[in-house]
Every structure is written in C-alpha cells, then in structure tokens.
PDB file of all heavy atoms in Angstrom:
ATOM      1  N   ARG A   1       0.862  -1.185   0.000  1.00  0.00           N
ATOM      2  CA  ARG A   1       0.000   0.000   0.000  1.00  0.00           C
ATOM      3  C   ARG A   1       0.901   1.237   0.000  1.00  0.00           C
ATOM      4  O   ARG A   1       1.839   1.325   0.790  1.00  0.00           O
ATOM      5  CB  ARG A   1      -0.887   0.010   1.243  1.00  0.00           C
ATOM      6  CG  ARG A   1      -1.858   1.196   1.286  1.00  0.00           C
ATOM      7  CD  ARG A   1      -2.731   1.162   2.531  1.00  0.00           C
ATOM      8  NE  ARG A   1      -1.994   1.521   3.751  1.00  0.00           N
ATOM      9  CZ  ARG A   1      -1.590   0.654   4.637  1.00  0.00           C
ATOM     10  NH1 ARG A   1      -1.789  -0.641   4.474  1.00  0.00           N
ATOM     11  NH2 ARG A   1      -0.940   1.049   5.730  1.00  0.00           N
ATOM     12  N   THR A   2       0.633   2.168  -0.883  1.00  0.00           N
ATOM     13  CA  THR A   2       1.460   3.363  -1.005  1.00  0.00           C
ATOM     14  C   THR A   2       0.845   4.515  -0.227  1.00  0.00           C
ATOM     15  O   THR A   2      -0.335   4.815  -0.371  1.00  0.00           O
ATOM     16  CB  THR A   2       1.629   3.749  -2.483  1.00  0.00           C
ATOM     17  OG1 THR A   2       2.272   2.669  -3.180  1.00  0.00           O
ATOM     18  CG2 THR A   2       2.481   4.996  -2.631  1.00  0.00           C
ATOM     19  N   GLU A   3       1.660   5.131   0.610  1.00  0.00           N
ATOM     20  CA  GLU A   3       1.214   6.278   1.402  1.00  0.00           C
ATOM     21  C   GLU A   3       2.200   7.421   1.211  1.00  0.00           C
ATOM     22  O   GLU A   3       3.418   7.201   1.172  1.00  0.00           O
ATOM     23  CB  GLU A   3       1.132   5.908   2.883  1.00  0.00           C
ATOM     24  CG  GLU A   3       0.161   4.776   3.187  1.00  0.00           C
ATOM     25  CD  GLU A   3      -0.813   5.147   4.302  1.00  0.00           C
ATOM     26  OE1 GLU A   3      -0.933   6.350   4.625  1.00  0.00           O
ATOM     27  OE2 GLU A   3      -1.431   4.216   4.845  1.00  0.00           O
ATOM     28  N   VAL A   4       1.689   8.634   1.111  1.00  0.00           N
ATOM     29  CA  VAL A   4       2.534   9.815   0.983  1.00  0.00           C
ATOM     30  C   VAL A   4       2.954  10.263   2.380  1.00  0.00           C
ATOM     31  O   VAL A   4       2.109  10.479   3.250  1.00  0.00           O
ATOM     32  CB  VAL A   4       1.799  10.952   0.250  1.00  0.00           C
ATOM     33  CG1 VAL A   4       2.631  12.231   0.269  1.00  0.00           C
ATOM     34  CG2 VAL A   4       1.488  10.541  -1.184  1.00  0.00           C
ATOM     35  N   TYR A   5       4.265  10.379   2.591  1.00  0.00           N
ATOM     36  CA  TYR A   5       4.743  10.819   3.897  1.00  0.00           C
ATOM     37  C   TYR A   5       5.222  12.260   3.900  1.00  0.00           C
ATOM     38  O   TYR A   5       5.410  12.868   4.968  1.00  0.00           O
ATOM     39  CB  TYR A   5       5.862   9.894   4.409  1.00  0.00           C
ATOM     40  CG  TYR A   5       7.213  10.053   3.746  1.00  0.00           C
ATOM     41  CD1 TYR A   5       8.169  10.941   4.239  1.00  0.00           C
ATOM     42  CD2 TYR A   5       7.576   9.282   2.647  1.00  0.00           C
ATOM     43  CE1 TYR A   5       9.418  11.071   3.653  1.00  0.00           C
ATOM     44  CE2 TYR A   5       8.818   9.394   2.058  1.00  0.00           C
ATOM     45  CZ  TYR A   5       9.740  10.297   2.558  1.00  0.00           C
ATOM     46  OH  TYR A   5      10.973  10.419   1.966  1.00  0.00           O
ATOM     47  N   LYS A   6       5.400  12.831   2.706  1.00  0.00           N
ATOM     48  CA  LYS A   6       5.943  14.188   2.651  1.00  0.00           C
ATOM     49  C   LYS A   6       5.613  14.808   1.309  1.00  0.00           C
ATOM     50  O   LYS A   6       5.692  14.133   0.278  1.00  0.00           O
ATOM     51  CB  LYS A   6       7.460  14.142   2.859  1.00  0.00           C
ATOM     52  CG  LYS A   6       8.163  15.482   2.953  1.00  0.00           C
ATOM     53  CD  LYS A   6       9.617  15.261   3.347  1.00  0.00           C
ATOM     54  CE  LYS A   6      10.360  16.554   3.535  1.00  0.00           C
ATOM     55  NZ  LYS A   6      11.738  16.333   4.039  1.00  0.00           N
ATOM     56  N   THR A   7       5.261  16.077   1.330  1.00  0.00           N
ATOM     57  CA  THR A   7       4.998  16.818   0.095  1.00  0.00           C
ATOM     58  C   THR A   7       5.921  18.027   0.059  1.00  0.00           C
ATOM     59  O   THR A   7       5.987  18.802   1.028  1.00  0.00           O
ATOM     60  CB  THR A   7       3.531  17.269   0.016  1.00  0.00           C
ATOM     61  OG1 THR A   7       2.681  16.113   0.086  1.00  0.00           O
ATOM     62  CG2 THR A   7       3.258  18.001  -1.278  1.00  0.00           C
ATOM     63  N   VAL A   8       6.626  18.162  -1.044  1.00  0.00           N
ATOM     64  CA  VAL A   8       7.530  19.292  -1.243  1.00  0.00           C
ATOM     65  C   VAL A   8       7.120  19.963  -2.545  1.00  0.00           C
ATOM     66  O   VAL A   8       7.393  19.450  -3.632  1.00  0.00           O
ATOM     67  CB  VAL A   8       9.001  18.846  -1.300  1.00  0.00           C
ATOM     68  CG1 VAL A   8       9.918  20.060  -1.428  1.00  0.00           C
ATOM     69  CG2 VAL A   8       9.373  18.019  -0.086  1.00  0.00           C
ATOM     70  N   GLY A   9       6.414  21.079  -2.456  1.00  0.00           N
ATOM     71  CA  GLY A   9       5.887  21.701  -3.657  1.00  0.00           C
ATOM     72  C   GLY A   9       4.912  20.767  -4.339  1.00  0.00           C
ATOM     73  O   GLY A   9       3.936  20.312  -3.731  1.00  0.00           O
ATOM     74  N   ASP A  10       5.181  20.461  -5.603  1.00  0.00           N
ATOM     75  CA  ASP A  10       4.317  19.544  -6.350  1.00  0.00           C
ATOM     76  C   ASP A  10       4.757  18.084  -6.208  1.00  0.00           C
ATOM     77  O   ASP A  10       4.129  17.187  -6.777  1.00  0.00           O
ATOM     78  CB  ASP A  10       4.312  19.917  -7.842  1.00  0.00           C
ATOM     79  CG  ASP A  10       3.701  21.295  -8.086  1.00  0.00           C
ATOM     80  OD1 ASP A  10       2.838  21.697  -7.288  1.00  0.00           O
ATOM     81  OD2 ASP A  10       4.106  21.955  -9.060  1.00  0.00           O
ATOM     82  N   LEU A  11       5.813  17.844  -5.467  1.00  0.00           N
ATOM     83  CA  LEU A  11       6.367  16.499  -5.346  1.00  0.00           C
ATOM     84  C   LEU A  11       5.817  15.785  -4.117  1.00  0.00           C
ATOM     85  O   LEU A  11       5.834  16.333  -3.009  1.00  0.00           O
ATOM     86  CB  LEU A  11       7.894  16.569  -5.250  1.00  0.00           C
ATOM     87  CG  LEU A  11       8.629  15.255  -4.988  1.00  0.00           C
ATOM     88  CD1 LEU A  11       8.496  14.321  -6.188  1.00  0.00           C
ATOM     89  CD2 LEU A  11      10.092  15.514  -4.655  1.00  0.00           C
ATOM     90  N   SER A  12       5.354  14.561  -4.315  1.00  0.00           N
ATOM     91  CA  SER A  12       4.913  13.716  -3.208  1.00  0.00           C
ATOM     92  C   SER A  12       5.902  12.577  -3.030  1.00  0.00           C
ATOM     93  O   SER A  12       6.219  11.871  -3.993  1.00  0.00           O
ATOM     94  CB  SER A  12       3.516  13.144  -3.488  1.00  0.00           C
ATOM     95  OG  SER A  12       2.545  14.171  -3.531  1.00  0.00           O
ATOM     96  N   LEU A  13       6.393  12.401  -1.818  1.00  0.00           N
ATOM     97  CA  LEU A  13       7.310  11.306  -1.491  1.00  0.00           C
ATOM     98  C   LEU A  13       6.523  10.219  -0.781  1.00  0.00           C
ATOM     99  O   LEU A  13       5.760  10.498   0.152  1.00  0.00           O
ATOM    100  CB  LEU A  13       8.443  11.807  -0.607  1.00  0.00           C
ATOM    101  CG  LEU A  13       9.391  12.802  -1.258  1.00  0.00           C
ATOM    102  CD1 LEU A  13      10.386  13.347  -0.232  1.00  0.00           C
ATOM    103  CD2 LEU A  13      10.131  12.182  -2.434  1.00  0.00           C
ATOM    104  N   SER A  14       6.736   8.984  -1.200  1.00  0.00           N
ATOM    105  CA  SER A  14       5.894   7.879  -0.741  1.00  0.00           C
ATOM    106  C   SER A  14       6.659   6.830   0.050  1.00  0.00           C
ATOM    107  O   SER A  14       7.871   6.655  -0.112  1.00  0.00           O
ATOM    108  CB  SER A  14       5.233   7.193  -1.947  1.00  0.00           C
ATOM    109  OG  SER A  14       4.379   8.079  -2.630  1.00  0.00           O
ATOM    110  N   LEU A  15       5.899   6.130   0.880  1.00  0.00           N
ATOM    111  CA  LEU A  15       6.328   4.916   1.544  1.00  0.00           C
ATOM    112  C   LEU A  15       5.477   3.777   1.021  1.00  0.00           C
ATOM    113  O   LEU A  15       4.270   3.940   0.805  1.00  0.00           O
ATOM    114  CB  LEU A  15       6.130   5.027   3.058  1.00  0.00           C
ATOM    115  CG  LEU A  15       6.880   6.130   3.786  1.00  0.00           C
ATOM    116  CD1 LEU A  15       6.399   6.222   5.234  1.00  0.00           C
ATOM    117  CD2 LEU A  15       8.371   5.878   3.748  1.00  0.00           C
ATOM    118  N   HIS A  16       6.078   2.610   0.820  1.00  0.00           N
ATOM    119  CA  HIS A  16       5.361   1.437   0.325  1.00  0.00           C
ATOM    120  C   HIS A  16       5.291   0.434   1.475  1.00  0.00           C
ATOM    121  O   HIS A  16       6.302  -0.093   1.919  1.00  0.00           O
ATOM    122  CB  HIS A  16       6.073   0.873  -0.895  1.00  0.00           C
ATOM    123  CG  HIS A  16       6.289   1.905  -1.969  1.00  0.00           C
ATOM    124  ND1 HIS A  16       5.301   2.280  -2.845  1.00  0.00           N
ATOM    125  CD2 HIS A  16       7.367   2.675  -2.266  1.00  0.00           C
ATOM    126  CE1 HIS A  16       5.763   3.217  -3.670  1.00  0.00           C
ATOM    127  NE2 HIS A  16       7.013   3.474  -3.322  1.00  0.00           N
ATOM    128  N   VAL A  17       4.078   0.205   1.952  1.00  0.00           N
ATOM    129  CA  VAL A  17       3.855  -0.495   3.209  1.00  0.00           C
ATOM    130  C   VAL A  17       3.397  -1.927   2.950  1.00  0.00           C
ATOM    131  O   VAL A  17       2.356  -2.163   2.328  1.00  0.00           O
ATOM    132  CB  VAL A  17       2.798   0.238   4.052  1.00  0.00           C
ATOM    133  CG1 VAL A  17       2.609  -0.463   5.398  1.00  0.00           C
ATOM    134  CG2 VAL A  17       3.181   1.705   4.248  1.00  0.00           C
ATOM    135  N   PHE A  18       4.185  -2.887   3.433  1.00  0.00           N
ATOM    136  CA  PHE A  18       3.832  -4.303   3.374  1.00  0.00           C
ATOM    137  C   PHE A  18       3.374  -4.720   4.770  1.00  0.00           C
ATOM    138  O   PHE A  18       4.126  -4.596   5.739  1.00  0.00           O
ATOM    139  CB  PHE A  18       5.031  -5.154   2.960  1.00  0.00           C
ATOM    140  CG  PHE A  18       5.498  -4.936   1.549  1.00  0.00           C
ATOM    141  CD1 PHE A  18       6.302  -3.838   1.231  1.00  0.00           C
ATOM    142  CD2 PHE A  18       5.151  -5.822   0.538  1.00  0.00           C
ATOM    143  CE1 PHE A  18       6.748  -3.637  -0.069  1.00  0.00           C
ATOM    144  CE2 PHE A  18       5.589  -5.633  -0.763  1.00  0.00           C
ATOM    145  CZ  PHE A  18       6.385  -4.539  -1.068  1.00  0.00           C
ATOM    146  N   GLU A  19       2.155  -5.233   4.872  1.00  0.00           N
ATOM    147  CA  GLU A  19       1.608  -5.630   6.159  1.00  0.00           C
ATOM    148  C   GLU A  19       1.489  -7.139   6.273  1.00  0.00           C
ATOM    149  O   GLU A  19       1.224  -7.826   5.278  1.00  0.00           O
ATOM    150  CB  GLU A  19       0.226  -5.013   6.360  1.00  0.00           C
ATOM    151  CG  GLU A  19       0.239  -3.513   6.509  1.00  0.00           C
ATOM    152  CD  GLU A  19      -1.077  -2.994   7.053  1.00  0.00           C
ATOM    153  OE1 GLU A  19      -1.244  -2.973   8.288  1.00  0.00           O
ATOM    154  OE2 GLU A  19      -1.937  -2.617   6.238  1.00  0.00           O
ATOM    155  N   PRO A  20       1.653  -7.664   7.477  1.00  0.00           N
ATOM    156  CA  PRO A  20       1.432  -9.098   7.681  1.00  0.00           C
ATOM    157  C   PRO A  20      -0.009  -9.471   7.338  1.00  0.00           C
ATOM    158  O   PRO A  20      -0.931  -8.690   7.596  1.00  0.00           O
ATOM    159  CB  PRO A  20       1.702  -9.289   9.175  1.00  0.00           C
ATOM    160  CG  PRO A  20       2.570  -8.128   9.552  1.00  0.00           C
ATOM    161  CD  PRO A  20       2.126  -6.988   8.694  1.00  0.00           C
ATOM    162  N   GLU A  21      -0.193 -10.640   6.751  1.00  0.00           N
ATOM    163  CA  GLU A  21      -1.538 -11.070   6.382  1.00  0.00           C
ATOM    164  C   GLU A  21      -2.313 -11.623   7.572  1.00  0.00           C
ATOM    165  O   GLU A  21      -3.534 -11.709   7.532  1.00  0.00           O
ATOM    166  CB  GLU A  21      -1.462 -12.129   5.279  1.00  0.00           C
ATOM    167  CG  GLU A  21      -0.934 -11.581   3.957  1.00  0.00           C
ATOM    168  CD  GLU A  21      -0.929 -12.628   2.867  1.00  0.00           C
ATOM    169  OE1 GLU A  21      -1.312 -13.789   3.155  1.00  0.00           O
ATOM    170  OE2 GLU A  21      -0.535 -12.294   1.739  1.00  0.00           O
ATOM    171  N   SER A  22      -1.612 -12.005   8.617  1.00  0.00           N
ATOM    172  CA  SER A  22      -2.273 -12.567   9.790  1.00  0.00           C
ATOM    173  C   SER A  22      -1.562 -12.081  11.038  1.00  0.00           C
ATOM    174  O   SER A  22      -0.543 -11.386  10.965  1.00  0.00           O
ATOM    175  CB  SER A  22      -2.255 -14.096   9.732  1.00  0.00           C
ATOM    176  OG  SER A  22      -0.918 -14.578   9.684  1.00  0.00           O
ATOM    177  N   GLY A  23      -2.091 -12.455  12.190  1.00  0.00           N
ATOM    178  CA  GLY A  23      -1.482 -12.068  13.447  1.00  0.00           C
ATOM    179  C   GLY A  23      -2.069 -10.777  13.978  1.00  0.00           C
ATOM    180  O   GLY A  23      -3.081 -10.271  13.476  1.00  0.00           O
ATOM    181  N   PRO A  24      -1.442 -10.225  14.997  1.00  0.00           N
ATOM    182  CA  PRO A  24      -1.953  -8.998  15.628  1.00  0.00           C
ATOM    183  C   PRO A  24      -2.057  -7.847  14.629  1.00  0.00           C
ATOM    184  O   PRO A  24      -1.297  -7.772  13.668  1.00  0.00           O
ATOM    185  CB  PRO A  24      -0.913  -8.707  16.707  1.00  0.00           C
ATOM    186  CG  PRO A  24      -0.205  -9.988  16.938  1.00  0.00           C
ATOM    187  CD  PRO A  24      -0.208 -10.713  15.637  1.00  0.00           C
ATOM    188  N   LYS A  25      -2.971  -6.951  14.896  1.00  0.00           N
ATOM    189  CA  LYS A  25      -3.154  -5.765  14.052  1.00  0.00           C
ATOM    190  C   LYS A  25      -2.688  -4.493  14.749  1.00  0.00           C
ATOM    191  O   LYS A  25      -2.809  -3.403  14.188  1.00  0.00           O
ATOM    192  CB  LYS A  25      -4.626  -5.626  13.660  1.00  0.00           C
ATOM    193  CG  LYS A  25      -5.172  -6.789  12.847  1.00  0.00           C
ATOM    194  CD  LYS A  25      -4.453  -6.938  11.509  1.00  0.00           C
ATOM    195  CE  LYS A  25      -5.035  -8.074  10.680  1.00  0.00           C
ATOM    196  NZ  LYS A  25      -4.286  -8.255   9.402  1.00  0.00           N
ATOM    197  N   THR A  26      -2.181  -4.639  15.968  1.00  0.00           N
ATOM    198  CA  THR A  26      -1.716  -3.480  16.721  1.00  0.00           C
ATOM    199  C   THR A  26      -0.349  -3.766  17.330  1.00  0.00           C
ATOM    200  O   THR A  26       0.053  -4.925  17.480  1.00  0.00           O
ATOM    201  CB  THR A  26      -2.703  -3.131  17.856  1.00  0.00           C
ATOM    202  OG1 THR A  26      -2.802  -4.251  18.747  1.00  0.00           O
ATOM    203  CG2 THR A  26      -4.074  -2.800  17.294  1.00  0.00           C
ATOM    204  N   ASN A  27       0.348  -2.680  17.661  1.00  0.00           N
ATOM    205  CA  ASN A  27       1.643  -2.773  18.372  1.00  0.00           C
ATOM    206  C   ASN A  27       2.653  -3.696  17.685  1.00  0.00           C
ATOM    207  O   ASN A  27       3.421  -4.393  18.347  1.00  0.00           O
ATOM    208  CB  ASN A  27       1.418  -3.221  19.818  1.00  0.00           C
ATOM    209  CG  ASN A  27       0.678  -2.177  20.623  1.00  0.00           C
ATOM    210  OD1 ASN A  27       0.967  -0.989  20.524  1.00  0.00           O
ATOM    211  ND2 ASN A  27      -0.292  -2.611  21.408  1.00  0.00           N
TER     212      ASN A  27
END
C-alpha cells in the first residue's frame, strides 16, 4: 500500500507499506 509521507511543492514522497496477512493488528 502506497502512502505519501511528505509533500515538497508539487512532489509527493511515498512509503510502500507491506503488512502481515495474519497475526496482531496493533503494536
């Protein structure tokens, strides 16, 4: 999942987030 962590002018910098498919959803 791609999320924008910073915007500089017209530029968006992204993080690409891989999450576990199972197990806890917190902490």
